[in-house]
Amino acid sequence: AGLQGVGYGMGVAAADYDNDGYEDLYV
């Protein structure tokens, strides 16, 4: 998926920000 991440992670928020029908992630 390409979601290994970068740096010292803390939180996550999931939602479909561009209304294309697929859930995106903000980390």
mmCIF file of all heavy atoms, coordinates in Angstrom:
data_MODEL
# 
_entry.id   MODEL 
# 
loop_
_atom_site.group_PDB 
_atom_site.id 
_atom_site.type_symbol 
_atom_site.label_atom_id 
_atom_site.label_alt_id 
_atom_site.label_comp_id 
_atom_site.label_asym_id 
_atom_site.label_entity_id 
_atom_site.label_seq_id 
_atom_site.pdbx_PDB_ins_code 
_atom_site.Cartn_x 
_atom_site.Cartn_y 
_atom_site.Cartn_z 
_atom_site.occupancy 
_atom_site.B_iso_or_equiv 
_atom_site.pdbx_formal_charge 
_atom_site.auth_seq_id 
_atom_site.auth_comp_id 
_atom_site.auth_asym_id 
_atom_site.auth_atom_id 
_atom_site.pdbx_PDB_model_num 
ATOM 1   N N   . ALA A 1 1  ? 0.807   -1.222 0.000  1.00 0.00 ? 1  ALA A N   1 
ATOM 2   C CA  . ALA A 1 1  ? 0.000   0.000  0.000  1.00 0.00 ? 1  ALA A CA  1 
ATOM 3   C C   . ALA A 1 1  ? 0.837   1.267  0.000  1.00 0.00 ? 1  ALA A C   1 
ATOM 4   O O   . ALA A 1 1  ? 0.339   2.344  -0.337 1.00 0.00 ? 1  ALA A O   1 
ATOM 5   C CB  . ALA A 1 1  ? -0.930  -0.003 1.217  1.00 0.00 ? 1  ALA A CB  1 
ATOM 6   N N   . GLY A 1 2  ? 2.111   1.153  0.393  1.00 0.00 ? 2  GLY A N   1 
ATOM 7   C CA  . GLY A 1 2  ? 2.971   2.333  0.465  1.00 0.00 ? 2  GLY A CA  1 
ATOM 8   C C   . GLY A 1 2  ? 2.712   3.190  1.685  1.00 0.00 ? 2  GLY A C   1 
ATOM 9   O O   . GLY A 1 2  ? 2.834   4.414  1.634  1.00 0.00 ? 2  GLY A O   1 
ATOM 10  N N   . LEU A 1 3  ? 2.403   2.553  2.814  1.00 0.00 ? 3  LEU A N   1 
ATOM 11  C CA  . LEU A 1 3  ? 2.019   3.285  4.021  1.00 0.00 ? 3  LEU A CA  1 
ATOM 12  C C   . LEU A 1 3  ? 2.976   3.030  5.185  1.00 0.00 ? 3  LEU A C   1 
ATOM 13  O O   . LEU A 1 3  ? 2.565   3.037  6.347  1.00 0.00 ? 3  LEU A O   1 
ATOM 14  C CB  . LEU A 1 3  ? 0.593   2.904  4.427  1.00 0.00 ? 3  LEU A CB  1 
ATOM 15  C CG  . LEU A 1 3  ? -0.519  3.472  3.547  1.00 0.00 ? 3  LEU A CG  1 
ATOM 16  C CD1 . LEU A 1 3  ? -1.873  2.906  3.968  1.00 0.00 ? 3  LEU A CD1 1 
ATOM 17  C CD2 . LEU A 1 3  ? -0.544  4.999  3.619  1.00 0.00 ? 3  LEU A CD2 1 
ATOM 18  N N   . GLN A 1 4  ? 4.256   2.834  4.892  1.00 0.00 ? 4  GLN A N   1 
ATOM 19  C CA  . GLN A 1 4  ? 5.227   2.590  5.963  1.00 0.00 ? 4  GLN A CA  1 
ATOM 20  C C   . GLN A 1 4  ? 5.374   3.796  6.882  1.00 0.00 ? 4  GLN A C   1 
ATOM 21  O O   . GLN A 1 4  ? 5.714   3.647  8.049  1.00 0.00 ? 4  GLN A O   1 
ATOM 22  C CB  . GLN A 1 4  ? 6.601   2.243  5.363  1.00 0.00 ? 4  GLN A CB  1 
ATOM 23  C CG  . GLN A 1 4  ? 6.637   0.968  4.538  1.00 0.00 ? 4  GLN A CG  1 
ATOM 24  C CD  . GLN A 1 4  ? 6.424   1.234  3.055  1.00 0.00 ? 4  GLN A CD  1 
ATOM 25  O OE1 . GLN A 1 4  ? 5.650   2.101  2.672  1.00 0.00 ? 4  GLN A OE1 1 
ATOM 26  N NE2 . GLN A 1 4  ? 7.137   0.490  2.209  1.00 0.00 ? 4  GLN A NE2 1 
ATOM 27  N N   . GLY A 1 5  ? 5.146   4.972  6.358  1.00 0.00 ? 5  GLY A N   1 
ATOM 28  C CA  . GLY A 1 5  ? 5.205   6.176  7.166  1.00 0.00 ? 5  GLY A CA  1 
ATOM 29  C C   . GLY A 1 5  ? 6.583   6.794  7.249  1.00 0.00 ? 5  GLY A C   1 
ATOM 30  O O   . GLY A 1 5  ? 7.581   6.211  6.828  1.00 0.00 ? 5  GLY A O   1 
ATOM 31  N N   . VAL A 1 6  ? 6.607   7.991  7.826  1.00 0.00 ? 6  VAL A N   1 
ATOM 32  C CA  . VAL A 1 6  ? 7.833   8.771  7.946  1.00 0.00 ? 6  VAL A CA  1 
ATOM 33  C C   . VAL A 1 6  ? 7.902   9.356  9.349  1.00 0.00 ? 6  VAL A C   1 
ATOM 34  O O   . VAL A 1 6  ? 6.892   9.829  9.875  1.00 0.00 ? 6  VAL A O   1 
ATOM 35  C CB  . VAL A 1 6  ? 7.867   9.915  6.907  1.00 0.00 ? 6  VAL A CB  1 
ATOM 36  C CG1 . VAL A 1 6  ? 9.127   10.751 7.069  1.00 0.00 ? 6  VAL A CG1 1 
ATOM 37  C CG2 . VAL A 1 6  ? 7.769   9.359  5.487  1.00 0.00 ? 6  VAL A CG2 1 
ATOM 38  N N   . GLY A 1 7  ? 9.072   9.334  9.969  1.00 0.00 ? 7  GLY A N   1 
ATOM 39  C CA  . GLY A 1 7  ? 9.284   10.015 11.230 1.00 0.00 ? 7  GLY A CA  1 
ATOM 40  C C   . GLY A 1 7  ? 8.594   9.380  12.420 1.00 0.00 ? 7  GLY A C   1 
ATOM 41  O O   . GLY A 1 7  ? 8.125   8.233  12.377 1.00 0.00 ? 7  GLY A O   1 
ATOM 42  N N   . TYR A 1 8  ? 8.518   10.148 13.505 1.00 0.00 ? 8  TYR A N   1 
ATOM 43  C CA  . TYR A 1 8  ? 7.934   9.672  14.756 1.00 0.00 ? 8  TYR A CA  1 
ATOM 44  C C   . TYR A 1 8  ? 6.438   9.923  14.722 1.00 0.00 ? 8  TYR A C   1 
ATOM 45  O O   . TYR A 1 8  ? 5.949   11.010 15.014 1.00 0.00 ? 8  TYR A O   1 
ATOM 46  C CB  . TYR A 1 8  ? 8.573   10.379 15.953 1.00 0.00 ? 8  TYR A CB  1 
ATOM 47  C CG  . TYR A 1 8  ? 8.422   9.624  17.256 1.00 0.00 ? 8  TYR A CG  1 
ATOM 48  C CD1 . TYR A 1 8  ? 9.484   8.908  17.781 1.00 0.00 ? 8  TYR A CD1 1 
ATOM 49  C CD2 . TYR A 1 8  ? 7.213   9.607  17.947 1.00 0.00 ? 8  TYR A CD2 1 
ATOM 50  C CE1 . TYR A 1 8  ? 9.351   8.191  18.973 1.00 0.00 ? 8  TYR A CE1 1 
ATOM 51  C CE2 . TYR A 1 8  ? 7.066   8.905  19.131 1.00 0.00 ? 8  TYR A CE2 1 
ATOM 52  C CZ  . TYR A 1 8  ? 8.144   8.201  19.636 1.00 0.00 ? 8  TYR A CZ  1 
ATOM 53  O OH  . TYR A 1 8  ? 8.005   7.495  20.804 1.00 0.00 ? 8  TYR A OH  1 
ATOM 54  N N   . GLY A 1 9  ? 5.658   8.890  14.337 1.00 0.00 ? 9  GLY A N   1 
ATOM 55  C CA  . GLY A 1 9  ? 4.226   9.036  14.144 1.00 0.00 ? 9  GLY A CA  1 
ATOM 56  C C   . GLY A 1 9  ? 3.467   9.194  15.448 1.00 0.00 ? 9  GLY A C   1 
ATOM 57  O O   . GLY A 1 9  ? 3.858   8.681  16.493 1.00 0.00 ? 9  GLY A O   1 
ATOM 58  N N   . MET A 1 10 ? 2.329   9.899  15.353 1.00 0.00 ? 10 MET A N   1 
ATOM 59  C CA  . MET A 1 10 ? 1.467   10.119 16.522 1.00 0.00 ? 10 MET A CA  1 
ATOM 60  C C   . MET A 1 10 ? 0.031   9.698  16.245 1.00 0.00 ? 10 MET A C   1 
ATOM 61  O O   . MET A 1 10 ? -0.421  8.673  16.706 1.00 0.00 ? 10 MET A O   1 
ATOM 62  C CB  . MET A 1 10 ? 1.525   11.603 16.922 1.00 0.00 ? 10 MET A CB  1 
ATOM 63  C CG  . MET A 1 10 ? 2.880   12.082 17.405 1.00 0.00 ? 10 MET A CG  1 
ATOM 64  S SD  . MET A 1 10 ? 3.365   11.389 19.002 1.00 0.00 ? 10 MET A SD  1 
ATOM 65  C CE  . MET A 1 10 ? 2.087   12.047 20.045 1.00 0.00 ? 10 MET A CE  1 
ATOM 66  N N   . GLY A 1 11 ? -0.694  10.488 15.438 1.00 0.00 ? 11 GLY A N   1 
ATOM 67  C CA  . GLY A 1 11 ? -2.115  10.253 15.261 1.00 0.00 ? 11 GLY A CA  1 
ATOM 68  C C   . GLY A 1 11 ? -2.503  9.947  13.832 1.00 0.00 ? 11 GLY A C   1 
ATOM 69  O O   . GLY A 1 11 ? -1.696  10.063 12.898 1.00 0.00 ? 11 GLY A O   1 
ATOM 70  N N   . VAL A 1 12 ? -3.773  9.567  13.647 1.00 0.00 ? 12 VAL A N   1 
ATOM 71  C CA  . VAL A 1 12 ? -4.295  9.256  12.321 1.00 0.00 ? 12 VAL A CA  1 
ATOM 72  C C   . VAL A 1 12 ? -5.753  9.693  12.245 1.00 0.00 ? 12 VAL A C   1 
ATOM 73  O O   . VAL A 1 12 ? -6.498  9.586  13.224 1.00 0.00 ? 12 VAL A O   1 
ATOM 74  C CB  . VAL A 1 12 ? -4.149  7.752  12.001 1.00 0.00 ? 12 VAL A CB  1 
ATOM 75  C CG1 . VAL A 1 12 ? -4.860  6.891  13.030 1.00 0.00 ? 12 VAL A CG1 1 
ATOM 76  C CG2 . VAL A 1 12 ? -4.654  7.437  10.594 1.00 0.00 ? 12 VAL A CG2 1 
ATOM 77  N N   . ALA A 1 13 ? -6.146  10.200 11.073 1.00 0.00 ? 13 ALA A N   1 
ATOM 78  C CA  . ALA A 1 13 ? -7.536  10.563 10.813 1.00 0.00 ? 13 ALA A CA  1 
ATOM 79  C C   . ALA A 1 13 ? -7.909  10.037 9.438  1.00 0.00 ? 13 ALA A C   1 
ATOM 80  O O   . ALA A 1 13 ? -7.227  10.323 8.449  1.00 0.00 ? 13 ALA A O   1 
ATOM 81  C CB  . ALA A 1 13 ? -7.720  12.083 10.876 1.00 0.00 ? 13 ALA A CB  1 
ATOM 82  N N   . ALA A 1 14 ? -8.992  9.264  9.359  1.00 0.00 ? 14 ALA A N   1 
ATOM 83  C CA  . ALA A 1 14 ? -9.424  8.644  8.105  1.00 0.00 ? 14 ALA A CA  1 
ATOM 84  C C   . ALA A 1 14 ? -10.704 9.305  7.609  1.00 0.00 ? 14 ALA A C   1 
ATOM 85  O O   . ALA A 1 14 ? -11.634 9.536  8.384  1.00 0.00 ? 14 ALA A O   1 
ATOM 86  C CB  . ALA A 1 14 ? -9.654  7.147  8.299  1.00 0.00 ? 14 ALA A CB  1 
ATOM 87  N N   . ALA A 1 15 ? -10.751 9.600  6.313  1.00 0.00 ? 15 ALA A N   1 
ATOM 88  C CA  . ALA A 1 15 ? -11.958 10.123 5.663  1.00 0.00 ? 15 ALA A CA  1 
ATOM 89  C C   . ALA A 1 15 ? -11.678 10.274 4.171  1.00 0.00 ? 15 ALA A C   1 
ATOM 90  O O   . ALA A 1 15 ? -10.520 10.306 3.738  1.00 0.00 ? 15 ALA A O   1 
ATOM 91  C CB  . ALA A 1 15 ? -12.386 11.460 6.260  1.00 0.00 ? 15 ALA A CB  1 
ATOM 92  N N   . ASP A 1 16 ? -12.741 10.414 3.409  1.00 0.00 ? 16 ASP A N   1 
ATOM 93  C CA  . ASP A 1 16 ? -12.647 10.590 1.961  1.00 0.00 ? 16 ASP A CA  1 
ATOM 94  C C   . ASP A 1 16 ? -12.631 12.080 1.649  1.00 0.00 ? 16 ASP A C   1 
ATOM 95  O O   . ASP A 1 16 ? -13.669 12.687 1.394  1.00 0.00 ? 16 ASP A O   1 
ATOM 96  C CB  . ASP A 1 16 ? -13.840 9.890  1.297  1.00 0.00 ? 16 ASP A CB  1 
ATOM 97  C CG  . ASP A 1 16 ? -13.853 10.022 -0.214 1.00 0.00 ? 16 ASP A CG  1 
ATOM 98  O OD1 . ASP A 1 16 ? -12.877 10.551 -0.777 1.00 0.00 ? 16 ASP A OD1 1 
ATOM 99  O OD2 . ASP A 1 16 ? -14.858 9.613  -0.818 1.00 0.00 ? 16 ASP A OD2 1 
ATOM 100 N N   . TYR A 1 17 ? -11.438 12.687 1.666  1.00 0.00 ? 17 TYR A N   1 
ATOM 101 C CA  . TYR A 1 17 ? -11.357 14.144 1.559  1.00 0.00 ? 17 TYR A CA  1 
ATOM 102 C C   . TYR A 1 17 ? -11.677 14.668 0.163  1.00 0.00 ? 17 TYR A C   1 
ATOM 103 O O   . TYR A 1 17 ? -12.052 15.833 -0.002 1.00 0.00 ? 17 TYR A O   1 
ATOM 104 C CB  . TYR A 1 17 ? -9.982  14.651 2.014  1.00 0.00 ? 17 TYR A CB  1 
ATOM 105 C CG  . TYR A 1 17 ? -8.854  14.426 1.031  1.00 0.00 ? 17 TYR A CG  1 
ATOM 106 C CD1 . TYR A 1 17 ? -8.616  15.326 -0.002 1.00 0.00 ? 17 TYR A CD1 1 
ATOM 107 C CD2 . TYR A 1 17 ? -8.016  13.326 1.143  1.00 0.00 ? 17 TYR A CD2 1 
ATOM 108 C CE1 . TYR A 1 17 ? -7.568  15.122 -0.899 1.00 0.00 ? 17 TYR A CE1 1 
ATOM 109 C CE2 . TYR A 1 17 ? -6.978  13.108 0.256  1.00 0.00 ? 17 TYR A CE2 1 
ATOM 110 C CZ  . TYR A 1 17 ? -6.763  14.010 -0.765 1.00 0.00 ? 17 TYR A CZ  1 
ATOM 111 O OH  . TYR A 1 17 ? -5.727  13.805 -1.657 1.00 0.00 ? 17 TYR A OH  1 
ATOM 112 N N   . ASP A 1 18 ? -11.522 13.831 -0.875 1.00 0.00 ? 18 ASP A N   1 
ATOM 113 C CA  . ASP A 1 18 ? -11.773 14.298 -2.245 1.00 0.00 ? 18 ASP A CA  1 
ATOM 114 C C   . ASP A 1 18 ? -13.050 13.719 -2.848 1.00 0.00 ? 18 ASP A C   1 
ATOM 115 O O   . ASP A 1 18 ? -13.300 13.868 -4.050 1.00 0.00 ? 18 ASP A O   1 
ATOM 116 C CB  . ASP A 1 18 ? -10.578 14.008 -3.152 1.00 0.00 ? 18 ASP A CB  1 
ATOM 117 C CG  . ASP A 1 18 ? -10.225 12.521 -3.207 1.00 0.00 ? 18 ASP A CG  1 
ATOM 118 O OD1 . ASP A 1 18 ? -10.776 11.738 -2.396 1.00 0.00 ? 18 ASP A OD1 1 
ATOM 119 O OD2 . ASP A 1 18 ? -9.394  12.152 -4.052 1.00 0.00 ? 18 ASP A OD2 1 
ATOM 120 N N   . ASN A 1 19 ? -13.864 13.068 -2.020 1.00 0.00 ? 19 ASN A N   1 
ATOM 121 C CA  . ASN A 1 19 ? -15.186 12.593 -2.437 1.00 0.00 ? 19 ASN A CA  1 
ATOM 122 C C   . ASN A 1 19 ? -15.139 11.666 -3.649 1.00 0.00 ? 19 ASN A C   1 
ATOM 123 O O   . ASN A 1 19 ? -16.044 11.664 -4.492 1.00 0.00 ? 19 ASN A O   1 
ATOM 124 C CB  . ASN A 1 19 ? -16.121 13.781 -2.738 1.00 0.00 ? 19 ASN A CB  1 
ATOM 125 C CG  . ASN A 1 19 ? -16.432 14.614 -1.508 1.00 0.00 ? 19 ASN A CG  1 
ATOM 126 O OD1 . ASN A 1 19 ? -16.479 14.095 -0.394 1.00 0.00 ? 19 ASN A OD1 1 
ATOM 127 N ND2 . ASN A 1 19 ? -16.627 15.909 -1.700 1.00 0.00 ? 19 ASN A ND2 1 
ATOM 128 N N   . ASP A 1 20 ? -14.085 10.826 -3.705 1.00 0.00 ? 20 ASP A N   1 
ATOM 129 C CA  . ASP A 1 20 ? -13.976 9.896  -4.834 1.00 0.00 ? 20 ASP A CA  1 
ATOM 130 C C   . ASP A 1 20 ? -14.435 8.485  -4.463 1.00 0.00 ? 20 ASP A C   1 
ATOM 131 O O   . ASP A 1 20 ? -14.340 7.562  -5.271 1.00 0.00 ? 20 ASP A O   1 
ATOM 132 C CB  . ASP A 1 20 ? -12.552 9.859  -5.376 1.00 0.00 ? 20 ASP A CB  1 
ATOM 133 C CG  . ASP A 1 20 ? -11.552 9.249  -4.392 1.00 0.00 ? 20 ASP A CG  1 
ATOM 134 O OD1 . ASP A 1 20 ? -11.919 9.013  -3.222 1.00 0.00 ? 20 ASP A OD1 1 
ATOM 135 O OD2 . ASP A 1 20 ? -10.389 9.040  -4.792 1.00 0.00 ? 20 ASP A OD2 1 
ATOM 136 N N   . GLY A 1 21 ? -14.930 8.320  -3.229 1.00 0.00 ? 21 GLY A N   1 
ATOM 137 C CA  . GLY A 1 21 ? -15.449 7.026  -2.814 1.00 0.00 ? 21 GLY A CA  1 
ATOM 138 C C   . GLY A 1 21 ? -14.457 6.144  -2.106 1.00 0.00 ? 21 GLY A C   1 
ATOM 139 O O   . GLY A 1 21 ? -14.795 5.003  -1.756 1.00 0.00 ? 21 GLY A O   1 
ATOM 140 N N   . TYR A 1 22 ? -13.245 6.636  -1.838 1.00 0.00 ? 22 TYR A N   1 
ATOM 141 C CA  . TYR A 1 22 ? -12.228 5.843  -1.149 1.00 0.00 ? 22 TYR A CA  1 
ATOM 142 C C   . TYR A 1 22 ? -11.679 6.624  0.047  1.00 0.00 ? 22 TYR A C   1 
ATOM 143 O O   . TYR A 1 22 ? -11.379 7.826  -0.063 1.00 0.00 ? 22 TYR A O   1 
ATOM 144 C CB  . TYR A 1 22 ? -11.093 5.477  -2.105 1.00 0.00 ? 22 TYR A CB  1 
ATOM 145 C CG  . TYR A 1 22 ? -11.509 4.527  -3.204 1.00 0.00 ? 22 TYR A CG  1 
ATOM 146 C CD1 . TYR A 1 22 ? -11.912 5.000  -4.450 1.00 0.00 ? 22 TYR A CD1 1 
ATOM 147 C CD2 . TYR A 1 22 ? -11.533 3.151  -2.976 1.00 0.00 ? 22 TYR A CD2 1 
ATOM 148 C CE1 . TYR A 1 22 ? -12.313 4.128  -5.449 1.00 0.00 ? 22 TYR A CE1 1 
ATOM 149 C CE2 . TYR A 1 22 ? -11.933 2.269  -3.972 1.00 0.00 ? 22 TYR A CE2 1 
ATOM 150 C CZ  . TYR A 1 22 ? -12.322 2.765  -5.208 1.00 0.00 ? 22 TYR A CZ  1 
ATOM 151 O OH  . TYR A 1 22 ? -12.729 1.896  -6.199 1.00 0.00 ? 22 TYR A OH  1 
ATOM 152 N N   . GLU A 1 23 ? -11.513 5.915  1.168  1.00 0.00 ? 23 GLU A N   1 
ATOM 153 C CA  . GLU A 1 23 ? -11.060 6.554  2.396  1.00 0.00 ? 23 GLU A CA  1 
ATOM 154 C C   . GLU A 1 23 ? -9.563  6.852  2.348  1.00 0.00 ? 23 GLU A C   1 
ATOM 155 O O   . GLU A 1 23 ? -8.749  5.972  2.043  1.00 0.00 ? 23 GLU A O   1 
ATOM 156 C CB  . GLU A 1 23 ? -11.356 5.653  3.602  1.00 0.00 ? 23 GLU A CB  1 
ATOM 157 C CG  . GLU A 1 23 ? -12.831 5.329  3.786  1.00 0.00 ? 23 GLU A CG  1 
ATOM 158 C CD  . GLU A 1 23 ? -13.654 6.564  4.069  1.00 0.00 ? 23 GLU A CD  1 
ATOM 159 O OE1 . GLU A 1 23 ? -13.488 7.150  5.159  1.00 0.00 ? 23 GLU A OE1 1 
ATOM 160 O OE2 . GLU A 1 23 ? -14.462 6.961  3.197  1.00 0.00 ? 23 GLU A OE2 1 
ATOM 161 N N   . ASP A 1 24 ? -9.211  8.084  2.654  1.00 0.00 ? 24 ASP A N   1 
ATOM 162 C CA  . ASP A 1 24 ? -7.826  8.535  2.679  1.00 0.00 ? 24 ASP A CA  1 
ATOM 163 C C   . ASP A 1 24 ? -7.340  8.625  4.120  1.00 0.00 ? 24 ASP A C   1 
ATOM 164 O O   . ASP A 1 24 ? -8.123  8.513  5.068  1.00 0.00 ? 24 ASP A O   1 
ATOM 165 C CB  . ASP A 1 24 ? -7.726  9.896  1.982  1.00 0.00 ? 24 ASP A CB  1 
ATOM 166 C CG  . ASP A 1 24 ? -8.414  9.903  0.620  1.00 0.00 ? 24 ASP A CG  1 
ATOM 167 O OD1 . ASP A 1 24 ? -7.954  9.177  -0.270 1.00 0.00 ? 24 ASP A OD1 1 
ATOM 168 O OD2 . ASP A 1 24 ? -9.426  10.616 0.462  1.00 0.00 ? 24 ASP A OD2 1 
ATOM 169 N N   . LEU A 1 25 ? -6.049  8.841  4.302  1.00 0.00 ? 25 LEU A N   1 
ATOM 170 C CA  . LEU A 1 25 ? -5.455  8.899  5.638  1.00 0.00 ? 25 LEU A CA  1 
ATOM 171 C C   . LEU A 1 25 ? -4.610  10.151 5.816  1.00 0.00 ? 25 LEU A C   1 
ATOM 172 O O   . LEU A 1 25 ? -3.815  10.505 4.935  1.00 0.00 ? 25 LEU A O   1 
ATOM 173 C CB  . LEU A 1 25 ? -4.561  7.678  5.881  1.00 0.00 ? 25 LEU A CB  1 
ATOM 174 C CG  . LEU A 1 25 ? -5.237  6.317  6.040  1.00 0.00 ? 25 LEU A CG  1 
ATOM 175 C CD1 . LEU A 1 25 ? -4.186  5.223  6.128  1.00 0.00 ? 25 LEU A CD1 1 
ATOM 176 C CD2 . LEU A 1 25 ? -6.130  6.294  7.281  1.00 0.00 ? 25 LEU A CD2 1 
ATOM 177 N N   . TYR A 1 26 ? -4.767  10.791 6.970  1.00 0.00 ? 26 TYR A N   1 
ATOM 178 C CA  . TYR A 1 26 ? -3.879  11.874 7.377  1.00 0.00 ? 26 TYR A CA  1 
ATOM 179 C C   . TYR A 1 26 ? -3.160  11.409 8.634  1.00 0.00 ? 26 TYR A C   1 
ATOM 180 O O   . TYR A 1 26 ? -3.804  11.015 9.624  1.00 0.00 ? 26 TYR A O   1 
ATOM 181 C CB  . TYR A 1 26 ? -4.663  13.148 7.656  1.00 0.00 ? 26 TYR A CB  1 
ATOM 182 C CG  . TYR A 1 26 ? -3.789  14.358 7.905  1.00 0.00 ? 26 TYR A CG  1 
ATOM 183 C CD1 . TYR A 1 26 ? -3.147  15.001 6.851  1.00 0.00 ? 26 TYR A CD1 1 
ATOM 184 C CD2 . TYR A 1 26 ? -3.604  14.858 9.188  1.00 0.00 ? 26 TYR A CD2 1 
ATOM 185 C CE1 . TYR A 1 26 ? -2.354  16.117 7.061  1.00 0.00 ? 26 TYR A CE1 1 
ATOM 186 C CE2 . TYR A 1 26 ? -2.808  15.974 9.416  1.00 0.00 ? 26 TYR A CE2 1 
ATOM 187 C CZ  . TYR A 1 26 ? -2.184  16.598 8.345  1.00 0.00 ? 26 TYR A CZ  1 
ATOM 188 O OH  . TYR A 1 26 ? -1.385  17.705 8.558  1.00 0.00 ? 26 TYR A OH  1 
ATOM 189 N N   . VAL A 1 27 ? -1.839  11.419 8.607  1.00 0.00 ? 27 VAL A N   1 
ATOM 190 C CA  . VAL A 1 27 ? -1.033  10.895 9.709  1.00 0.00 ? 27 VAL A CA  1 
ATOM 191 C C   . VAL A 1 27 ? -0.188  12.021 10.293 1.00 0.00 ? 27 VAL A C   1 
ATOM 192 O O   . VAL A 1 27 ? 0.554   12.688 9.566  1.00 0.00 ? 27 VAL A O   1 
ATOM 193 C CB  . VAL A 1 27 ? -0.128  9.742  9.237  1.00 0.00 ? 27 VAL A CB  1 
ATOM 194 C CG1 . VAL A 1 27 ? 0.693   9.198  10.395 1.00 0.00 ? 27 VAL A CG1 1 
ATOM 195 C CG2 . VAL A 1 27 ? -0.972  8.624  8.621  1.00 0.00 ? 27 VAL A CG2 1 
# 
